[in-house]
PDB file of N, CA and C in Angstrom:
ATOM      1  N   MET A   1     -12.867 -10.594 -34.987  1.00  0.00           N
ATOM      2  CA  MET A   1     -12.215  -9.439 -34.439  1.00  0.00           C
ATOM      3  C   MET A   1     -13.267  -8.304 -34.427  1.00  0.00           C
ATOM      4  N   LYS A   2     -13.415  -7.608 -33.324  1.00  0.00           N
ATOM      5  CA  LYS A   2     -14.451  -6.444 -33.214  1.00  0.00           C
ATOM      6  C   LYS A   2     -13.706  -5.284 -33.815  1.00  0.00           C
ATOM      7  N   ASN A   3     -14.678  -4.399 -34.226  1.00  0.00           N
ATOM      8  CA  ASN A   3     -14.300  -3.125 -34.748  1.00  0.00           C
ATOM      9  C   ASN A   3     -13.927  -2.041 -33.634  1.00  0.00           C
ATOM     10  N   ILE A   4     -13.354  -1.008 -34.140  1.00  0.00           N
ATOM     11  CA  ILE A   4     -13.008   0.062 -33.146  1.00  0.00           C
ATOM     12  C   ILE A   4     -14.382   0.822 -32.971  1.00  0.00           C
ATOM     13  N   GLU A   5     -14.687   1.287 -31.712  1.00  0.00           N
ATOM     14  CA  GLU A   5     -15.914   1.943 -31.375  1.00  0.00           C
ATOM     15  C   GLU A   5     -15.612   3.021 -30.481  1.00  0.00           C
ATOM     16  N   LEU A   6     -16.244   4.307 -30.800  1.00  0.00           N
ATOM     17  CA  LEU A   6     -16.014   5.466 -30.034  1.00  0.00           C
ATOM     18  C   LEU A   6     -17.428   5.726 -29.319  1.00  0.00           C
ATOM     19  N   LYS A   7     -17.476   5.829 -27.998  1.00  0.00           N
ATOM     20  CA  LYS A   7     -18.699   6.070 -27.202  1.00  0.00           C
ATOM     21  C   LYS A   7     -18.421   7.353 -26.449  1.00  0.00           C
ATOM     22  N   VAL A   8     -19.393   8.391 -26.614  1.00  0.00           N
ATOM     23  CA  VAL A   8     -19.438   9.498 -25.796  1.00  0.00           C
ATOM     24  C   VAL A   8     -20.320   9.314 -24.658  1.00  0.00           C
ATOM     25  N   SER A   9     -19.867   9.696 -23.478  1.00  0.00           N
ATOM     26  CA  SER A   9     -20.720   9.496 -22.321  1.00  0.00           C
ATOM     27  C   SER A   9     -21.935  10.286 -22.379  1.00  0.00           C
ATOM     28  N   ALA A  10     -23.103   9.470 -22.020  1.00  0.00           N
ATOM     29  CA  ALA A  10     -24.361  10.057 -21.974  1.00  0.00           C
ATOM     30  C   ALA A  10     -24.723  11.078 -21.002  1.00  0.00           C
ATOM     31  N   ASP A  11     -23.847  11.010 -19.893  1.00  0.00           N
ATOM     32  CA  ASP A  11     -23.854  11.974 -18.705  1.00  0.00           C
ATOM     33  C   ASP A  11     -22.963  13.186 -19.025  1.00  0.00           C
ATOM     34  N   ASP A  12     -21.902  13.087 -19.650  1.00  0.00           N
ATOM     35  CA  ASP A  12     -20.976  14.128 -19.884  1.00  0.00           C
ATOM     36  C   ASP A  12     -20.405  13.944 -21.189  1.00  0.00           C
ATOM     37  N   GLU A  13     -20.650  14.981 -22.141  1.00  0.00           N
ATOM     38  CA  GLU A  13     -20.168  14.879 -23.429  1.00  0.00           C
ATOM     39  C   GLU A  13     -18.745  15.252 -23.600  1.00  0.00           C
ATOM     40  N   ASP A  14     -18.234  15.623 -22.593  1.00  0.00           N
ATOM     41  CA  ASP A  14     -16.714  15.903 -22.485  1.00  0.00           C
ATOM     42  C   ASP A  14     -15.903  14.663 -22.264  1.00  0.00           C
ATOM     43  N   VAL A  15     -16.564  13.574 -22.142  1.00  0.00           N
ATOM     44  CA  VAL A  15     -15.823  12.192 -21.822  1.00  0.00           C
ATOM     45  C   VAL A  15     -16.227  11.310 -22.918  1.00  0.00           C
ATOM     46  N   ALA A  16     -15.142  10.554 -23.445  1.00  0.00           N
ATOM     47  CA  ALA A  16     -15.441   9.663 -24.532  1.00  0.00           C
ATOM     48  C   ALA A  16     -14.394   8.539 -24.297  1.00  0.00           C
ATOM     49  N   TYR A  17     -14.815   7.271 -24.819  1.00  0.00           N
ATOM     50  CA  TYR A  17     -14.014   6.141 -24.691  1.00  0.00           C
ATOM     51  C   TYR A  17     -13.985   5.495 -26.019  1.00  0.00           C
ATOM     52  N   LEU A  18     -12.701   5.182 -26.485  1.00  0.00           N
ATOM     53  CA  LEU A  18     -12.351   4.471 -27.614  1.00  0.00           C
ATOM     54  C   LEU A  18     -12.152   3.022 -27.337  1.00  0.00           C
ATOM     55  N   TYR A  19     -13.124   2.215 -27.764  1.00  0.00           N
ATOM     56  CA  TYR A  19     -12.911   0.622 -27.665  1.00  0.00           C
ATOM     57  C   TYR A  19     -12.203   0.168 -28.732  1.00  0.00           C
ATOM     58  N   LEU A  20     -10.991  -0.520 -28.446  1.00  0.00           N
ATOM     59  CA  LEU A  20     -10.240  -1.001 -29.389  1.00  0.00           C
ATOM     60  C   LEU A  20     -10.405  -2.696 -29.480  1.00  0.00           C
ATOM     61  N   PRO A  21     -10.046  -3.194 -30.619  1.00  0.00           N
ATOM     62  CA  PRO A  21     -10.291  -4.617 -30.798  1.00  0.00           C
ATOM     63  C   PRO A  21      -9.568  -5.444 -29.537  1.00  0.00           C
ATOM     64  N   GLY A  22     -10.309  -6.343 -29.067  1.00  0.00           N
ATOM     65  CA  GLY A  22      -9.876  -7.019 -27.861  1.00  0.00           C
ATOM     66  C   GLY A  22     -10.607  -6.678 -26.605  1.00  0.00           C
ATOM     67  N   HIS A  23     -11.188  -5.500 -26.525  1.00  0.00           N
ATOM     68  CA  HIS A  23     -12.063  -4.977 -25.515  1.00  0.00           C
ATOM     69  C   HIS A  23     -13.316  -5.688 -25.479  1.00  0.00           C
ATOM     70  N   PRO A  24     -13.753  -6.422 -24.396  1.00  0.00           N
ATOM     71  CA  PRO A  24     -14.982  -7.051 -24.329  1.00  0.00           C
ATOM     72  C   PRO A  24     -16.234  -6.170 -24.430  1.00  0.00           C
ATOM     73  N   ARG A  25     -15.984  -4.939 -24.126  1.00  0.00           N
ATOM     74  CA  ARG A  25     -17.159  -3.892 -24.148  1.00  0.00           C
ATOM     75  C   ARG A  25     -18.182  -4.121 -22.993  1.00  0.00           C
ATOM     76  N   LYS A  26     -17.740  -4.804 -22.036  1.00  0.00           N
ATOM     77  CA  LYS A  26     -18.587  -4.931 -20.809  1.00  0.00           C
ATOM     78  C   LYS A  26     -18.014  -4.092 -19.651  1.00  0.00           C
ATOM     79  N   VAL A  27     -18.855  -3.465 -18.815  1.00  0.00           N
ATOM     80  CA  VAL A  27     -18.322  -2.836 -17.639  1.00  0.00           C
ATOM     81  C   VAL A  27     -18.260  -3.877 -16.486  1.00  0.00           C
ATOM     82  N   GLU A  28     -17.024  -4.355 -16.292  1.00  0.00           N
ATOM     83  CA  GLU A  28     -16.782  -5.392 -15.327  1.00  0.00           C
ATOM     84  C   GLU A  28     -15.506  -4.964 -14.588  1.00  0.00           C
ATOM     85  N   ALA A  29     -15.444  -5.256 -13.281  1.00  0.00           N
ATOM     86  CA  ALA A  29     -14.174  -5.094 -12.580  1.00  0.00           C
ATOM     87  C   ALA A  29     -13.086  -6.044 -13.215  1.00  0.00           C
ATOM     88  N   GLY A  30     -11.884  -5.647 -13.359  1.00  0.00           N
ATOM     89  CA  GLY A  30     -10.862  -6.585 -13.657  1.00  0.00           C
ATOM     90  C   GLY A  30     -10.525  -6.609 -15.266  1.00  0.00           C
ATOM     91  N   ILE A  31     -11.345  -5.925 -16.010  1.00  0.00           N
ATOM     92  CA  ILE A  31     -11.071  -5.902 -17.411  1.00  0.00           C
ATOM     93  C   ILE A  31      -9.851  -5.285 -17.813  1.00  0.00           C
ATOM     94  N   VAL A  32      -9.768  -4.013 -17.042  1.00  0.00           N
ATOM     95  CA  VAL A  32      -8.586  -3.177 -17.292  1.00  0.00           C
ATOM     96  C   VAL A  32      -7.582  -3.498 -16.212  1.00  0.00           C
ATOM     97  N   GLN A  33      -6.404  -4.033 -16.562  1.00  0.00           N
ATOM     98  CA  GLN A  33      -5.428  -4.454 -15.531  1.00  0.00           C
ATOM     99  C   GLN A  33      -4.487  -3.416 -15.240  1.00  0.00           C
ATOM    100  N   LYS A  34      -4.282  -2.391 -16.215  1.00  0.00           N
ATOM    101  CA  LYS A  34      -3.344  -1.251 -16.033  1.00  0.00           C
ATOM    102  C   LYS A  34      -3.815  -0.051 -16.828  1.00  0.00           C
ATOM    103  N   GLN A  35      -3.707   1.061 -16.171  1.00  0.00           N
ATOM    104  CA  GLN A  35      -4.121   2.283 -16.882  1.00  0.00           C
ATOM    105  C   GLN A  35      -2.972   3.238 -16.764  1.00  0.00           C
ATOM    106  N   VAL A  36      -2.581   3.853 -17.964  1.00  0.00           N
ATOM    107  CA  VAL A  36      -1.366   4.744 -17.962  1.00  0.00           C
ATOM    108  C   VAL A  36      -1.850   6.207 -18.481  1.00  0.00           C
ATOM    109  N   GLU A  37      -1.558   7.153 -17.791  1.00  0.00           N
ATOM    110  CA  GLU A  37      -1.899   8.447 -18.244  1.00  0.00           C
ATOM    111  C   GLU A  37      -0.844   9.031 -19.210  1.00  0.00           C
ATOM    112  N   LEU A  38      -1.273   9.445 -20.329  1.00  0.00           N
ATOM    113  CA  LEU A  38      -0.485   9.883 -21.463  1.00  0.00           C
ATOM    114  C   LEU A  38       0.566  10.830 -20.981  1.00  0.00           C
ATOM    115  N   ARG A  39       0.263  11.807 -20.060  1.00  0.00           N
ATOM    116  CA  ARG A  39       1.097  12.881 -19.685  1.00  0.00           C
ATOM    117  C   ARG A  39       2.226  12.161 -18.921  1.00  0.00           C
ATOM    118  N   LYS A  40       2.114  11.194 -18.268  1.00  0.00           N
ATOM    119  CA  LYS A  40       3.273  10.472 -17.598  1.00  0.00           C
ATOM    120  C   LYS A  40       4.238   9.805 -18.650  1.00  0.00           C
ATOM    121  N   VAL A  41       3.910   9.579 -19.883  1.00  0.00           N
ATOM    122  CA  VAL A  41       4.671   9.012 -20.904  1.00  0.00           C
ATOM    123  C   VAL A  41       5.253  10.047 -21.787  1.00  0.00           C
ATOM    124  N   ILE A  42       4.465  11.058 -22.090  1.00  0.00           N
ATOM    125  CA  ILE A  42       4.938  12.198 -22.929  1.00  0.00           C
ATOM    126  C   ILE A  42       4.812  13.433 -22.112  1.00  0.00           C
ATOM    127  N   THR A  43       5.965  13.722 -21.427  1.00  0.00           N
ATOM    128  CA  THR A  43       5.927  14.820 -20.521  1.00  0.00           C
ATOM    129  C   THR A  43       5.604  16.228 -21.084  1.00  0.00           C
ATOM    130  N   GLN A  44       5.849  16.402 -22.357  1.00  0.00           N
ATOM    131  CA  GLN A  44       5.521  17.774 -22.932  1.00  0.00           C
ATOM    132  C   GLN A  44       4.095  17.691 -23.614  1.00  0.00           C
ATOM    133  N   TYR A  45       3.359  16.698 -23.418  1.00  0.00           N
ATOM    134  CA  TYR A  45       2.014  16.674 -23.888  1.00  0.00           C
ATOM    135  C   TYR A  45       1.217  17.660 -23.249  1.00  0.00           C
ATOM    136  N   SER A  46       0.379  18.362 -24.134  1.00  0.00           N
ATOM    137  CA  SER A  46      -0.512  19.503 -23.603  1.00  0.00           C
ATOM    138  C   SER A  46      -1.847  19.405 -24.338  1.00  0.00           C
ATOM    139  N   GLY A  47      -2.704  18.558 -23.957  1.00  0.00           N
ATOM    140  CA  GLY A  47      -3.868  18.368 -24.488  1.00  0.00           C
ATOM    141  C   GLY A  47      -4.957  17.769 -23.472  1.00  0.00           C
ATOM    142  N   PRO A  48      -6.103  17.353 -23.898  1.00  0.00           N
ATOM    143  CA  PRO A  48      -6.946  16.778 -22.965  1.00  0.00           C
ATOM    144  C   PRO A  48      -6.389  15.488 -22.147  1.00  0.00           C
ATOM    145  N   ASP A  49      -7.012  15.295 -21.124  1.00  0.00           N
ATOM    146  CA  ASP A  49      -6.445  13.993 -20.394  1.00  0.00           C
ATOM    147  C   ASP A  49      -6.800  12.834 -21.174  1.00  0.00           C
ATOM    148  N   VAL A  50      -5.884  11.869 -21.265  1.00  0.00           N
ATOM    149  CA  VAL A  50      -5.939  10.793 -22.009  1.00  0.00           C
ATOM    150  C   VAL A  50      -5.296   9.607 -21.205  1.00  0.00           C
ATOM    151  N   PHE A  51      -6.146   8.596 -21.153  1.00  0.00           N
ATOM    152  CA  PHE A  51      -5.809   7.262 -20.264  1.00  0.00           C
ATOM    153  C   PHE A  51      -5.756   6.152 -21.182  1.00  0.00           C
ATOM    154  N   LEU A  52      -4.636   5.332 -21.124  1.00  0.00           N
ATOM    155  CA  LEU A  52      -4.465   4.238 -21.974  1.00  0.00           C
ATOM    156  C   LEU A  52      -4.847   2.991 -21.118  1.00  0.00           C
ATOM    157  N   ASP A  53      -5.787   2.105 -21.515  1.00  0.00           N
ATOM    158  CA  ASP A  53      -6.245   0.920 -20.742  1.00  0.00           C
ATOM    159  C   ASP A  53      -5.675  -0.377 -21.323  1.00  0.00           C
ATOM    160  N   PHE A  54      -5.012  -1.121 -20.497  1.00  0.00           N
ATOM    161  CA  PHE A  54      -4.414  -2.361 -20.948  1.00  0.00           C
ATOM    162  C   PHE A  54      -4.993  -3.608 -20.278  1.00  0.00           C
ATOM    163  N   ASN A  55      -5.201  -4.771 -21.033  1.00  0.00           N
ATOM    164  CA  ASN A  55      -5.688  -5.935 -20.328  1.00  0.00           C
ATOM    165  C   ASN A  55      -4.470  -6.722 -19.694  1.00  0.00           C
ATOM    166  N   ASN A  56      -4.934  -7.887 -19.127  1.00  0.00           N
ATOM    167  CA  ASN A  56      -3.971  -8.690 -18.436  1.00  0.00           C
ATOM    168  C   ASN A  56      -2.842  -9.326 -19.283  1.00  0.00           C
ATOM    169  N   GLU A  57      -2.860  -9.132 -20.585  1.00  0.00           N
ATOM    170  CA  GLU A  57      -1.820  -9.632 -21.431  1.00  0.00           C
ATOM    171  C   GLU A  57      -0.986  -8.422 -21.925  1.00  0.00           C
ATOM    172  N   GLY A  58      -1.240  -7.251 -21.418  1.00  0.00           N
ATOM    173  CA  GLY A  58      -0.381  -6.025 -21.774  1.00  0.00           C
ATOM    174  C   GLY A  58      -0.810  -5.444 -23.094  1.00  0.00           C
ATOM    175  N   LYS A  59      -2.135  -5.863 -23.491  1.00  0.00           N
ATOM    176  CA  LYS A  59      -2.470  -5.419 -24.930  1.00  0.00           C
ATOM    177  C   LYS A  59      -3.461  -4.024 -24.641  1.00  0.00           C
ATOM    178  N   LEU A  60      -3.104  -2.978 -25.473  1.00  0.00           N
ATOM    179  CA  LEU A  60      -3.921  -1.919 -25.315  1.00  0.00           C
ATOM    180  C   LEU A  60      -5.353  -2.188 -25.892  1.00  0.00           C
ATOM    181  N   ILE A  61      -6.295  -1.985 -25.090  1.00  0.00           N
ATOM    182  CA  ILE A  61      -7.817  -2.333 -25.298  1.00  0.00           C
ATOM    183  C   ILE A  61      -8.656  -1.101 -25.445  1.00  0.00           C
ATOM    184  N   GLY A  62      -8.353   0.020 -24.847  1.00  0.00           N
ATOM    185  CA  GLY A  62      -9.164   1.128 -24.867  1.00  0.00           C
ATOM    186  C   GLY A  62      -8.472   2.479 -24.423  1.00  0.00           C
ATOM    187  N   ILE A  63      -9.074   3.542 -24.843  1.00  0.00           N
ATOM    188  CA  ILE A  63      -8.501   4.835 -24.637  1.00  0.00           C
ATOM    189  C   ILE A  63      -9.567   5.798 -24.212  1.00  0.00           C
ATOM    190  N   GLU A  64      -9.462   6.328 -22.936  1.00  0.00           N
ATOM    191  CA  GLU A  64     -10.344   7.212 -22.341  1.00  0.00           C
ATOM    192  C   GLU A  64      -9.914   8.636 -22.573  1.00  0.00           C
ATOM    193  N   ILE A  65     -10.769   9.540 -22.996  1.00  0.00           N
ATOM    194  CA  ILE A  65     -10.454  11.006 -23.264  1.00  0.00           C
ATOM    195  C   ILE A  65     -11.281  11.847 -22.502  1.00  0.00           C
ATOM    196  N   LEU A  66     -10.802  12.686 -21.700  1.00  0.00           N
ATOM    197  CA  LEU A  66     -11.565  13.623 -20.947  1.00  0.00           C
ATOM    198  C   LEU A  66     -11.142  15.115 -21.523  1.00  0.00           C
ATOM    199  N   ALA A  67     -11.993  15.661 -22.141  1.00  0.00           N
ATOM    200  CA  ALA A  67     -11.768  17.061 -22.686  1.00  0.00           C
ATOM    201  C   ALA A  67     -12.127  18.107 -21.769  1.00  0.00           C
TER     202      ALA A  67
END
């Protein structure tokens, strides 16, 4: 099992991605099958934009944070 890894974008330091176990860490089309915006799940949330990425088995594999 791979460890959790946080990567800050080289182009924009206000963008980070948290790779969770199960994420292949490759940039390929089709890895993320579903993306859910945190604001749509928690309506009273007031923070940076956060997107939850799921694979084809419905497992959470990554979290994108836009500050």
